[in-house]
């Protein structure tokens, strides 16, 4: 049966929004999560980020979270939950269960939804990593493109899950926005020739 999404989305809206008022009720029906996954009855959830990007992956939210935490060293796992899909979602072709995780990557909170192979990433959405220098560019570029990642061009790459990143030294923006047209034109011209951005060549 071809999977249709509306039934599952109704469930996901109820359980996957950080701080959602239905979270406690949903967690009480979570038969597969550990005791530490259960929210406290009167727990106040502190909201650090107004907007939290959510990425959809096929499976194993905990492994996906671990991968991003291995790249962003100052991050931490904030939440992990497993849920049973209701009969309505399964009747539309959904899986028996799905998982969610939330990781704090320092400057960004990322929500991970592992709910089946129904959607794939493309370059219409990418995350920009603002790097302080070339060494940091090198680190993130290598971390994201190894073990299944992929180099693209103009500072873009994909990680092992197919999510697109732009690894950019902050000085790059000074170059392409320079009041000197020669500096701007050189930076733009060289950008088109590069995969990983290399400051010494862009200047």
N, C-alpha and C. Protein backbone atom coordinates (compact mmCIF):
# COMPACT_ATOMS: atom_id res chain seq x y z
N UNK A 1 0.85 -1.19 0.00
CA UNK A 1 0.00 0.00 0.00
C UNK A 1 0.88 1.23 0.00
N UNK A 2 0.54 2.17 -0.83
CA UNK A 2 1.32 3.40 -0.87
C UNK A 2 1.08 4.20 0.39
N UNK A 3 2.16 4.71 0.96
CA UNK A 3 2.05 5.44 2.22
C UNK A 3 1.54 6.85 1.98
N UNK A 4 0.54 7.24 2.73
CA UNK A 4 0.06 8.62 2.71
C UNK A 4 0.32 9.24 4.06
N UNK A 5 0.71 10.49 4.08
CA UNK A 5 1.28 11.08 5.27
C UNK A 5 0.31 11.71 6.26
N UNK A 6 -0.87 12.21 5.89
CA UNK A 6 -1.65 13.00 6.85
C UNK A 6 -1.94 12.31 8.17
N UNK A 7 -2.29 11.02 8.14
CA UNK A 7 -2.59 10.33 9.39
C UNK A 7 -1.42 10.31 10.35
N UNK A 8 -0.22 10.07 9.82
CA UNK A 8 0.96 10.03 10.66
C UNK A 8 1.31 11.42 11.16
N UNK A 9 1.13 12.43 10.32
CA UNK A 9 1.48 13.78 10.74
C UNK A 9 0.65 14.24 11.93
N UNK A 10 -0.60 13.82 11.98
CA UNK A 10 -1.44 14.18 13.12
C UNK A 10 -0.81 13.68 14.40
N UNK A 11 -0.30 12.46 14.35
CA UNK A 11 0.34 11.88 15.53
C UNK A 11 1.64 12.61 15.84
N UNK A 12 2.44 12.89 14.82
CA UNK A 12 3.74 13.51 15.03
C UNK A 12 3.61 14.91 15.60
N UNK A 13 2.61 15.65 15.16
CA UNK A 13 2.41 16.99 15.71
C UNK A 13 2.16 16.91 17.20
N UNK A 14 1.46 15.88 17.62
CA UNK A 14 1.12 15.75 19.03
C UNK A 14 2.31 15.35 19.89
N UNK A 15 3.26 14.59 19.30
CA UNK A 15 4.31 14.03 20.15
C UNK A 15 5.68 14.63 19.89
N UNK A 16 5.88 15.32 18.79
CA UNK A 16 7.22 15.70 18.42
C UNK A 16 7.53 17.17 18.62
N UNK A 17 6.59 17.97 19.07
CA UNK A 17 6.86 19.38 19.30
C UNK A 17 7.43 19.57 20.70
N UNK A 18 8.66 20.08 20.82
CA UNK A 18 9.23 20.31 22.15
C UNK A 18 8.33 21.24 22.95
N UNK A 19 8.02 20.83 24.17
CA UNK A 19 7.21 21.66 25.03
C UNK A 19 5.73 21.54 24.77
N UNK A 20 5.30 20.63 23.89
CA UNK A 20 3.89 20.51 23.55
C UNK A 20 3.09 20.05 24.75
N UNK A 21 1.90 20.60 24.91
CA UNK A 21 1.10 20.26 26.08
C UNK A 21 0.63 18.83 26.08
N UNK A 22 0.67 18.15 24.92
CA UNK A 22 0.23 16.76 24.84
C UNK A 22 1.35 15.78 25.13
N UNK A 23 2.54 16.29 25.38
CA UNK A 23 3.70 15.40 25.47
C UNK A 23 3.58 14.44 26.65
N UNK A 24 3.11 14.94 27.78
CA UNK A 24 2.99 14.10 28.95
C UNK A 24 2.00 12.97 28.70
N UNK A 25 0.85 13.31 28.08
CA UNK A 25 -0.16 12.30 27.82
C UNK A 25 0.36 11.25 26.86
N UNK A 26 1.07 11.69 25.80
CA UNK A 26 1.58 10.76 24.82
C UNK A 26 2.63 9.85 25.43
N UNK A 27 3.49 10.43 26.26
CA UNK A 27 4.56 9.64 26.86
C UNK A 27 4.00 8.55 27.76
N UNK A 28 2.84 8.78 28.34
CA UNK A 28 2.26 7.76 29.21
C UNK A 28 1.87 6.53 28.43
N UNK A 29 1.69 6.67 27.09
CA UNK A 29 1.37 5.54 26.25
C UNK A 29 2.59 4.94 25.59
N UNK A 30 3.74 5.46 25.93
CA UNK A 30 5.00 4.99 25.35
C UNK A 30 5.43 3.73 26.09
N UNK A 31 5.25 2.59 25.47
CA UNK A 31 5.54 1.32 26.13
C UNK A 31 6.98 0.88 25.93
N UNK A 32 7.66 1.49 24.93
CA UNK A 32 9.00 1.01 24.64
C UNK A 32 10.08 1.89 25.22
N UNK A 33 9.78 3.11 25.64
CA UNK A 33 10.79 4.01 26.19
C UNK A 33 11.16 3.61 27.60
N UNK A 34 12.34 4.03 28.05
CA UNK A 34 12.78 3.72 29.40
C UNK A 34 12.15 4.68 30.38
N UNK A 35 12.30 4.38 31.67
CA UNK A 35 11.71 5.22 32.70
C UNK A 35 12.26 6.63 32.65
N UNK A 36 13.53 6.77 32.25
CA UNK A 36 14.13 8.09 32.22
C UNK A 36 13.58 8.94 31.08
N UNK A 37 12.92 8.30 30.10
CA UNK A 37 12.31 9.03 29.01
C UNK A 37 11.03 9.75 29.44
N UNK A 38 10.41 9.32 30.56
CA UNK A 38 9.10 9.82 30.93
C UNK A 38 9.22 11.19 31.58
N UNK A 39 8.47 12.19 31.07
CA UNK A 39 8.50 13.52 31.70
C UNK A 39 7.87 13.48 33.08
N UNK A 40 8.34 14.32 33.97
CA UNK A 40 7.75 14.43 35.29
C UNK A 40 6.40 15.14 35.19
N UNK A 41 5.50 14.80 36.10
CA UNK A 41 4.11 15.27 36.02
C UNK A 41 4.03 16.80 35.98
N UNK A 42 4.82 17.47 36.82
CA UNK A 42 4.73 18.92 36.90
C UNK A 42 6.00 19.60 36.40
N UNK A 43 6.71 18.92 35.52
CA UNK A 43 7.98 19.44 35.03
C UNK A 43 7.75 20.61 34.08
N UNK A 44 8.50 21.70 34.29
CA UNK A 44 8.44 22.85 33.41
C UNK A 44 9.56 22.71 32.39
N UNK A 45 9.21 22.76 31.12
CA UNK A 45 10.19 22.58 30.06
C UNK A 45 10.75 23.95 29.67
N UNK A 46 12.05 24.11 29.86
CA UNK A 46 12.69 25.37 29.51
C UNK A 46 12.91 25.44 28.00
N UNK A 47 12.55 26.53 27.39
CA UNK A 47 12.69 26.70 25.95
C UNK A 47 13.91 27.56 25.66
N UNK A 48 14.93 26.95 25.11
CA UNK A 48 16.16 27.67 24.80
C UNK A 48 16.11 28.28 23.40
N UNK A 49 15.49 27.56 22.46
CA UNK A 49 15.46 27.99 21.07
C UNK A 49 14.01 28.21 20.63
N UNK A 50 13.78 29.29 19.94
CA UNK A 50 12.45 29.58 19.43
C UNK A 50 12.09 28.68 18.25
N UNK A 51 13.08 28.44 17.39
CA UNK A 51 12.88 27.59 16.22
C UNK A 51 13.85 26.42 16.28
N UNK A 52 13.32 25.21 16.12
CA UNK A 52 14.13 24.00 16.11
C UNK A 52 13.94 23.28 14.77
N UNK A 53 14.97 23.23 13.91
CA UNK A 53 14.83 22.46 12.67
C UNK A 53 14.60 20.98 13.00
N UNK A 54 13.77 20.33 12.19
CA UNK A 54 13.51 18.90 12.35
C UNK A 54 13.85 18.20 11.06
N UNK A 55 14.68 17.16 11.14
CA UNK A 55 15.03 16.39 9.95
C UNK A 55 14.40 15.00 10.04
N UNK A 56 13.94 14.50 8.91
CA UNK A 56 13.31 13.18 8.82
C UNK A 56 14.33 12.19 8.26
N UNK A 57 14.59 11.12 8.98
CA UNK A 57 15.49 10.07 8.53
C UNK A 57 14.74 8.75 8.54
N UNK A 58 15.34 7.74 7.92
CA UNK A 58 14.66 6.45 7.80
C UNK A 58 14.48 5.76 9.14
N UNK A 59 15.58 5.67 9.91
CA UNK A 59 15.54 4.85 11.12
C UNK A 59 16.65 5.24 12.08
N UNK A 60 16.52 4.74 13.29
CA UNK A 60 17.56 4.82 14.32
C UNK A 60 17.93 6.26 14.68
N UNK A 61 16.99 6.96 15.29
CA UNK A 61 17.22 8.35 15.68
C UNK A 61 18.40 8.48 16.62
N UNK A 62 18.60 7.48 17.47
CA UNK A 62 19.70 7.56 18.43
C UNK A 62 21.06 7.51 17.72
N UNK A 63 21.17 6.68 16.69
CA UNK A 63 22.41 6.60 15.93
C UNK A 63 22.65 7.89 15.15
N UNK A 64 21.61 8.48 14.61
CA UNK A 64 21.74 9.75 13.89
C UNK A 64 22.20 10.84 14.85
N UNK A 65 21.60 10.87 16.02
CA UNK A 65 22.00 11.85 17.03
C UNK A 65 23.47 11.67 17.40
N UNK A 66 23.89 10.42 17.59
CA UNK A 66 25.28 10.14 17.94
C UNK A 66 26.23 10.61 16.84
N UNK A 67 25.82 10.46 15.60
CA UNK A 67 26.66 10.91 14.48
C UNK A 67 26.88 12.41 14.54
N UNK A 68 25.81 13.18 14.69
CA UNK A 68 25.97 14.64 14.71
C UNK A 68 26.72 15.10 15.96
N UNK A 69 26.56 14.39 17.05
CA UNK A 69 27.31 14.74 18.26
C UNK A 69 28.80 14.41 18.11
N UNK A 70 29.12 13.48 17.23
CA UNK A 70 30.53 13.18 16.97
C UNK A 70 31.18 14.26 16.11
N UNK A 71 30.36 14.97 15.35
CA UNK A 71 30.88 16.05 14.50
C UNK A 71 30.96 17.35 15.29
N UNK A 72 29.88 17.67 16.01
CA UNK A 72 29.83 18.90 16.81
C UNK A 72 30.15 18.54 18.26
N UNK A 73 31.39 18.72 18.62
CA UNK A 73 31.92 18.16 19.87
C UNK A 73 31.31 18.77 21.13
N UNK A 74 30.78 19.97 21.03
CA UNK A 74 30.23 20.60 22.22
C UNK A 74 28.73 20.33 22.39
N UNK A 75 28.20 19.39 21.62
CA UNK A 75 26.77 19.09 21.68
C UNK A 75 26.41 18.08 22.75
N UNK A 76 25.12 17.85 22.90
CA UNK A 76 24.64 16.86 23.86
C UNK A 76 23.26 16.36 23.44
N UNK A 77 22.96 15.15 23.82
CA UNK A 77 21.65 14.56 23.58
C UNK A 77 20.69 15.07 24.65
N UNK A 78 19.61 15.72 24.22
CA UNK A 78 18.65 16.28 25.17
C UNK A 78 17.47 15.34 25.41
N UNK A 79 17.00 14.67 24.36
CA UNK A 79 15.84 13.81 24.49
C UNK A 79 15.95 12.64 23.51
N UNK A 80 15.36 11.53 23.90
CA UNK A 80 15.19 10.39 22.98
C UNK A 80 13.90 9.66 23.39
N UNK A 81 13.05 9.38 22.40
CA UNK A 81 11.78 8.71 22.68
C UNK A 81 11.45 7.71 21.58
N UNK A 82 10.74 6.66 21.96
CA UNK A 82 10.18 5.70 21.01
C UNK A 82 8.66 5.73 21.17
N UNK A 83 7.96 5.63 20.04
CA UNK A 83 6.50 5.69 20.07
C UNK A 83 5.90 4.59 19.22
N UNK A 84 4.76 4.09 19.64
CA UNK A 84 3.96 3.17 18.86
C UNK A 84 2.99 3.98 18.00
N UNK A 85 2.91 3.65 16.73
CA UNK A 85 1.94 4.30 15.88
C UNK A 85 0.54 3.77 16.17
N UNK A 86 -0.47 4.61 16.16
CA UNK A 86 -1.84 4.14 16.37
C UNK A 86 -2.34 3.39 15.14
N UNK A 87 -3.40 2.64 15.26
CA UNK A 87 -3.93 1.88 14.12
C UNK A 87 -4.24 2.74 12.91
N UNK A 88 -4.68 3.99 13.14
CA UNK A 88 -5.03 4.86 12.01
C UNK A 88 -3.83 5.13 11.11
N UNK A 89 -2.67 5.35 11.72
CA UNK A 89 -1.47 5.61 10.93
C UNK A 89 -1.00 4.35 10.22
N UNK A 90 -1.03 3.22 10.92
CA UNK A 90 -0.59 1.96 10.30
C UNK A 90 -1.51 1.56 9.16
N UNK A 91 -2.81 1.89 9.27
CA UNK A 91 -3.76 1.55 8.22
C UNK A 91 -3.45 2.28 6.92
N UNK A 92 -2.77 3.41 7.01
CA UNK A 92 -2.40 4.18 5.83
C UNK A 92 -1.02 3.82 5.31
N UNK A 93 -0.45 2.75 5.82
CA UNK A 93 0.85 2.29 5.35
C UNK A 93 2.01 2.70 6.21
N UNK A 94 1.74 3.30 7.35
CA UNK A 94 2.81 3.71 8.25
C UNK A 94 3.45 2.53 8.97
N UNK A 95 4.59 2.80 9.59
CA UNK A 95 5.29 1.76 10.33
C UNK A 95 4.62 1.51 11.67
N UNK A 96 5.05 0.43 12.33
CA UNK A 96 4.51 0.11 13.65
C UNK A 96 4.93 1.14 14.69
N UNK A 97 6.12 1.70 14.51
CA UNK A 97 6.64 2.62 15.52
C UNK A 97 7.57 3.63 14.87
N UNK A 98 7.93 4.64 15.63
CA UNK A 98 8.90 5.62 15.17
C UNK A 98 9.63 6.18 16.37
N UNK A 99 10.73 6.92 16.11
CA UNK A 99 11.57 7.45 17.18
C UNK A 99 11.81 8.94 16.96
N UNK A 100 12.07 9.63 18.05
CA UNK A 100 12.50 11.02 17.97
C UNK A 100 13.69 11.24 18.89
N UNK A 101 14.52 12.18 18.52
CA UNK A 101 15.63 12.60 19.36
C UNK A 101 15.82 14.09 19.19
N UNK A 102 16.33 14.75 20.21
CA UNK A 102 16.68 16.16 20.13
C UNK A 102 18.11 16.31 20.61
N UNK A 103 18.93 16.96 19.79
CA UNK A 103 20.32 17.21 20.18
C UNK A 103 20.56 18.71 20.21
N UNK A 104 21.36 19.12 21.17
CA UNK A 104 21.81 20.50 21.26
C UNK A 104 23.22 20.55 20.69
N UNK A 105 23.37 21.26 19.57
CA UNK A 105 24.66 21.31 18.91
C UNK A 105 25.42 22.61 19.23
N UNK A 106 25.08 23.20 20.34
CA UNK A 106 25.74 24.43 20.75
C UNK A 106 24.93 25.63 20.34
N UNK A 107 25.08 26.04 19.07
CA UNK A 107 24.34 27.19 18.57
C UNK A 107 22.99 26.82 18.00
N UNK A 108 22.72 25.53 17.85
CA UNK A 108 21.47 25.10 17.23
C UNK A 108 20.94 23.85 17.92
N UNK A 109 19.63 23.82 18.07
CA UNK A 109 18.95 22.61 18.53
C UNK A 109 18.39 21.91 17.30
N UNK A 110 18.59 20.61 17.21
CA UNK A 110 18.15 19.84 16.05
C UNK A 110 17.27 18.69 16.51
N UNK A 111 16.08 18.61 15.92
CA UNK A 111 15.16 17.52 16.21
C UNK A 111 15.28 16.47 15.10
N UNK A 112 15.30 15.21 15.49
CA UNK A 112 15.47 14.10 14.55
C UNK A 112 14.25 13.20 14.64
N UNK A 113 13.63 12.95 13.52
CA UNK A 113 12.47 12.08 13.44
C UNK A 113 12.81 10.89 12.56
N UNK A 114 12.83 9.70 13.12
CA UNK A 114 13.11 8.48 12.37
C UNK A 114 11.80 7.72 12.18
N UNK A 115 11.23 7.84 10.99
CA UNK A 115 9.87 7.32 10.79
C UNK A 115 9.67 6.64 9.44
N UNK A 116 10.74 6.13 8.86
CA UNK A 116 10.58 5.37 7.63
C UNK A 116 11.15 6.06 6.40
N UNK A 117 11.35 5.28 5.33
CA UNK A 117 12.02 5.78 4.11
C UNK A 117 11.07 6.48 3.15
N UNK A 118 10.42 7.53 3.61
CA UNK A 118 9.40 8.18 2.80
C UNK A 118 9.85 9.50 2.20
N UNK A 119 10.88 10.12 2.77
CA UNK A 119 11.34 11.42 2.29
C UNK A 119 12.87 11.42 2.22
N UNK A 120 13.41 12.19 1.28
CA UNK A 120 14.85 12.31 1.13
C UNK A 120 15.23 13.80 1.14
N UNK A 121 16.46 14.06 1.58
CA UNK A 121 16.97 15.42 1.58
C UNK A 121 17.32 15.86 0.17
N UNK A 122 17.29 17.17 -0.07
CA UNK A 122 17.85 17.74 -1.29
C UNK A 122 18.45 19.11 -0.96
N UNK A 123 19.12 19.68 -1.94
CA UNK A 123 19.89 20.91 -1.69
C UNK A 123 19.02 22.16 -1.49
N UNK A 124 17.70 22.03 -1.60
CA UNK A 124 16.87 23.20 -1.37
C UNK A 124 16.93 23.67 0.08
N UNK A 125 17.38 22.77 0.97
CA UNK A 125 17.60 23.13 2.37
C UNK A 125 19.02 22.72 2.76
N UNK A 126 19.75 23.65 3.35
CA UNK A 126 21.10 23.33 3.82
C UNK A 126 21.37 24.12 5.09
N UNK A 127 22.33 23.64 5.89
CA UNK A 127 22.73 24.32 7.11
C UNK A 127 24.12 24.91 6.90
N UNK A 128 24.28 26.18 7.28
CA UNK A 128 25.56 26.87 7.11
C UNK A 128 26.34 26.79 8.42
N UNK A 129 27.58 26.35 8.32
CA UNK A 129 28.48 26.35 9.48
C UNK A 129 29.44 27.52 9.31
N UNK A 130 29.32 28.50 10.16
CA UNK A 130 30.20 29.67 10.11
C UNK A 130 31.49 29.35 10.87
N UNK A 131 32.58 29.28 10.14
CA UNK A 131 33.86 28.85 10.71
C UNK A 131 34.78 30.03 10.95
N UNK A 132 35.49 29.98 12.04
CA UNK A 132 36.34 31.11 12.42
C UNK A 132 37.60 31.22 11.59
N UNK A 133 38.07 30.08 11.04
CA UNK A 133 39.31 30.10 10.26
C UNK A 133 39.36 28.87 9.36
N UNK A 134 40.46 28.76 8.60
CA UNK A 134 40.61 27.65 7.67
C UNK A 134 40.68 26.30 8.39
N UNK A 135 41.31 26.29 9.55
CA UNK A 135 41.42 25.03 10.30
C UNK A 135 40.05 24.49 10.67
N UNK A 136 39.14 25.38 11.04
CA UNK A 136 37.80 24.94 11.38
C UNK A 136 37.04 24.49 10.14
N UNK A 137 37.24 25.17 9.03
CA UNK A 137 36.66 24.73 7.76
C UNK A 137 37.13 23.31 7.44
N UNK A 138 38.44 23.10 7.56
CA UNK A 138 39.00 21.78 7.26
C UNK A 138 38.39 20.71 8.15
N UNK A 139 38.24 21.01 9.43
CA UNK A 139 37.70 20.02 10.36
C UNK A 139 36.28 19.60 9.98
N UNK A 140 35.39 20.58 9.81
CA UNK A 140 34.00 20.25 9.52
C UNK A 140 33.84 19.61 8.14
N UNK A 141 34.61 20.09 7.19
CA UNK A 141 34.54 19.51 5.84
C UNK A 141 34.93 18.04 5.87
N UNK A 142 36.02 17.74 6.53
CA UNK A 142 36.48 16.35 6.61
C UNK A 142 35.52 15.49 7.42
N UNK A 143 35.01 16.03 8.52
CA UNK A 143 34.10 15.26 9.36
C UNK A 143 32.81 14.91 8.64
N UNK A 144 32.31 15.82 7.82
CA UNK A 144 31.03 15.60 7.15
C UNK A 144 31.14 14.79 5.86
N UNK A 145 32.29 14.86 5.19
CA UNK A 145 32.40 14.19 3.89
C UNK A 145 32.99 12.79 3.98
N UNK A 146 33.55 12.41 5.11
CA UNK A 146 34.09 11.06 5.25
C UNK A 146 32.99 10.09 5.68
N UNK A 147 33.27 8.81 5.55
CA UNK A 147 32.35 7.76 5.98
C UNK A 147 30.96 7.87 5.36
N UNK A 148 30.93 8.11 4.05
CA UNK A 148 29.65 8.15 3.36
C UNK A 148 29.19 9.51 2.95
N UNK A 149 29.89 10.57 3.36
CA UNK A 149 29.54 11.92 2.93
C UNK A 149 29.99 12.17 1.51
N UNK A 150 29.73 13.37 1.03
CA UNK A 150 30.04 13.67 -0.38
C UNK A 150 30.40 15.14 -0.55
N UNK A 151 31.50 15.40 -1.25
CA UNK A 151 31.87 16.77 -1.57
C UNK A 151 31.01 17.28 -2.71
N UNK A 152 30.66 18.55 -2.64
CA UNK A 152 29.99 19.21 -3.76
C UNK A 152 30.89 20.36 -4.20
N UNK A 153 30.33 21.51 -4.51
CA UNK A 153 31.15 22.64 -4.96
C UNK A 153 30.76 23.90 -4.21
N UNK A 154 31.63 24.90 -4.29
CA UNK A 154 31.37 26.22 -3.71
C UNK A 154 31.14 26.16 -2.20
N UNK A 155 31.83 25.25 -1.51
CA UNK A 155 31.70 25.15 -0.07
C UNK A 155 30.55 24.29 0.41
N UNK A 156 29.86 23.61 -0.50
CA UNK A 156 28.73 22.75 -0.14
C UNK A 156 29.19 21.30 -0.07
N UNK A 157 28.59 20.56 0.85
CA UNK A 157 28.85 19.13 0.94
C UNK A 157 27.62 18.44 1.54
N UNK A 158 27.62 17.12 1.49
CA UNK A 158 26.56 16.33 2.11
C UNK A 158 27.17 15.39 3.14
N UNK A 159 26.44 15.18 4.22
CA UNK A 159 26.89 14.21 5.20
C UNK A 159 26.41 12.81 4.81
N UNK A 160 26.67 11.82 5.63
CA UNK A 160 26.35 10.43 5.31
C UNK A 160 24.86 10.16 5.17
N UNK A 161 24.03 11.05 5.71
CA UNK A 161 22.59 10.89 5.59
C UNK A 161 22.00 11.67 4.41
N UNK A 162 22.85 12.42 3.71
CA UNK A 162 22.39 13.18 2.55
C UNK A 162 21.99 14.60 2.86
N UNK A 163 22.15 15.04 4.12
CA UNK A 163 21.82 16.41 4.49
C UNK A 163 22.91 17.35 3.99
N UNK A 164 22.52 18.48 3.39
CA UNK A 164 23.47 19.42 2.81
C UNK A 164 23.95 20.44 3.84
N UNK A 165 25.24 20.73 3.77
CA UNK A 165 25.87 21.73 4.63
C UNK A 165 26.68 22.69 3.78
N UNK A 166 26.78 23.93 4.24
CA UNK A 166 27.70 24.90 3.66
C UNK A 166 28.74 25.21 4.73
N UNK A 167 29.98 24.87 4.45
CA UNK A 167 31.06 25.07 5.41
C UNK A 167 31.82 26.32 4.97
N UNK A 168 31.62 27.41 5.72
CA UNK A 168 32.04 28.72 5.24
C UNK A 168 32.87 29.46 6.30
N UNK A 169 34.08 29.90 5.94
CA UNK A 169 34.82 30.77 6.87
C UNK A 169 34.16 32.14 6.89
N UNK A 170 34.05 32.74 8.07
CA UNK A 170 33.34 34.02 8.17
C UNK A 170 34.03 35.11 7.35
N UNK A 171 35.32 35.01 7.14
CA UNK A 171 36.03 35.99 6.32
C UNK A 171 35.53 35.98 4.87
N UNK A 172 34.98 34.86 4.45
CA UNK A 172 34.48 34.73 3.08
C UNK A 172 33.43 35.82 2.77
N UNK A 173 32.57 36.11 3.74
CA UNK A 173 31.53 37.10 3.52
C UNK A 173 32.11 38.51 3.36
N UNK A 174 33.23 38.77 4.05
CA UNK A 174 33.91 40.05 3.86
C UNK A 174 34.46 40.16 2.44
N UNK A 175 34.95 39.05 1.92
CA UNK A 175 35.54 39.07 0.58
C UNK A 175 34.49 39.28 -0.50
N UNK A 176 33.39 38.55 -0.44
CA UNK A 176 32.40 38.66 -1.51
C UNK A 176 31.55 39.93 -1.39
N UNK A 177 31.64 40.60 -0.24
CA UNK A 177 30.93 41.86 -0.04
C UNK A 177 31.87 43.05 0.07
N UNK A 178 33.11 42.86 -0.34
CA UNK A 178 34.11 43.91 -0.24
C UNK A 178 33.73 45.12 -1.08
N UNK A 179 34.04 46.33 -0.60
CA UNK A 179 33.81 47.53 -1.41
C UNK A 179 34.74 47.59 -2.63
N UNK A 180 35.80 46.79 -2.62
CA UNK A 180 36.74 46.74 -3.75
C UNK A 180 36.22 45.72 -4.77
N UNK A 181 35.83 46.15 -5.96
CA UNK A 181 35.28 45.21 -6.94
C UNK A 181 36.25 44.11 -7.35
N UNK A 182 37.55 44.39 -7.33
CA UNK A 182 38.52 43.36 -7.69
C UNK A 182 38.53 42.24 -6.66
N UNK A 183 38.41 42.62 -5.40
CA UNK A 183 38.37 41.61 -4.34
C UNK A 183 37.10 40.76 -4.47
N UNK A 184 35.97 41.41 -4.70
CA UNK A 184 34.70 40.70 -4.86
C UNK A 184 34.75 39.74 -6.04
N UNK A 185 35.21 40.25 -7.16
CA UNK A 185 35.21 39.45 -8.38
C UNK A 185 36.14 38.25 -8.27
N UNK A 186 37.30 38.45 -7.65
CA UNK A 186 38.22 37.33 -7.49
C UNK A 186 37.62 36.26 -6.59
N UNK A 187 37.03 36.69 -5.47
CA UNK A 187 36.44 35.73 -4.53
C UNK A 187 35.33 34.93 -5.20
N UNK A 188 34.48 35.59 -5.96
CA UNK A 188 33.39 34.90 -6.64
C UNK A 188 33.91 33.95 -7.70
N UNK A 189 34.89 34.40 -8.47
CA UNK A 189 35.45 33.58 -9.55
C UNK A 189 36.09 32.31 -8.98
N UNK A 190 36.88 32.49 -7.93
CA UNK A 190 37.57 31.34 -7.35
C UNK A 190 36.59 30.40 -6.65
N UNK A 191 35.54 30.95 -6.05
CA UNK A 191 34.52 30.11 -5.40
C UNK A 191 33.99 29.06 -6.36
N UNK A 192 33.74 29.46 -7.60
CA UNK A 192 33.17 28.55 -8.59
C UNK A 192 34.13 27.44 -8.98
N UNK A 193 35.40 27.61 -8.66
CA UNK A 193 36.42 26.62 -9.01
C UNK A 193 36.73 25.67 -7.85
N UNK A 194 36.18 25.96 -6.68
CA UNK A 194 36.54 25.19 -5.49
C UNK A 194 35.42 24.23 -5.06
N UNK A 195 35.81 23.21 -4.37
CA UNK A 195 34.86 22.38 -3.62
C UNK A 195 34.86 22.90 -2.19
N UNK A 196 35.85 22.50 -1.40
CA UNK A 196 36.04 23.11 -0.09
C UNK A 196 36.56 24.52 -0.28
N UNK A 197 36.04 25.48 0.48
CA UNK A 197 36.52 26.86 0.38
C UNK A 197 37.90 26.99 1.02
N UNK A 198 38.82 27.57 0.27
CA UNK A 198 40.20 27.74 0.72
C UNK A 198 40.52 29.24 0.72
N UNK A 199 40.64 29.79 1.91
CA UNK A 199 40.79 31.24 2.05
C UNK A 199 42.00 31.79 1.34
N UNK A 200 43.12 31.11 1.40
CA UNK A 200 44.34 31.64 0.80
C UNK A 200 44.18 31.84 -0.70
N UNK A 201 43.33 31.08 -1.34
CA UNK A 201 43.10 31.22 -2.78
C UNK A 201 41.99 32.25 -3.07
N UNK A 202 41.10 32.43 -2.12
CA UNK A 202 40.00 33.37 -2.31
C UNK A 202 40.42 34.81 -2.11
N UNK A 203 41.44 35.04 -1.29
CA UNK A 203 41.85 36.41 -0.96
C UNK A 203 42.48 37.11 -2.17
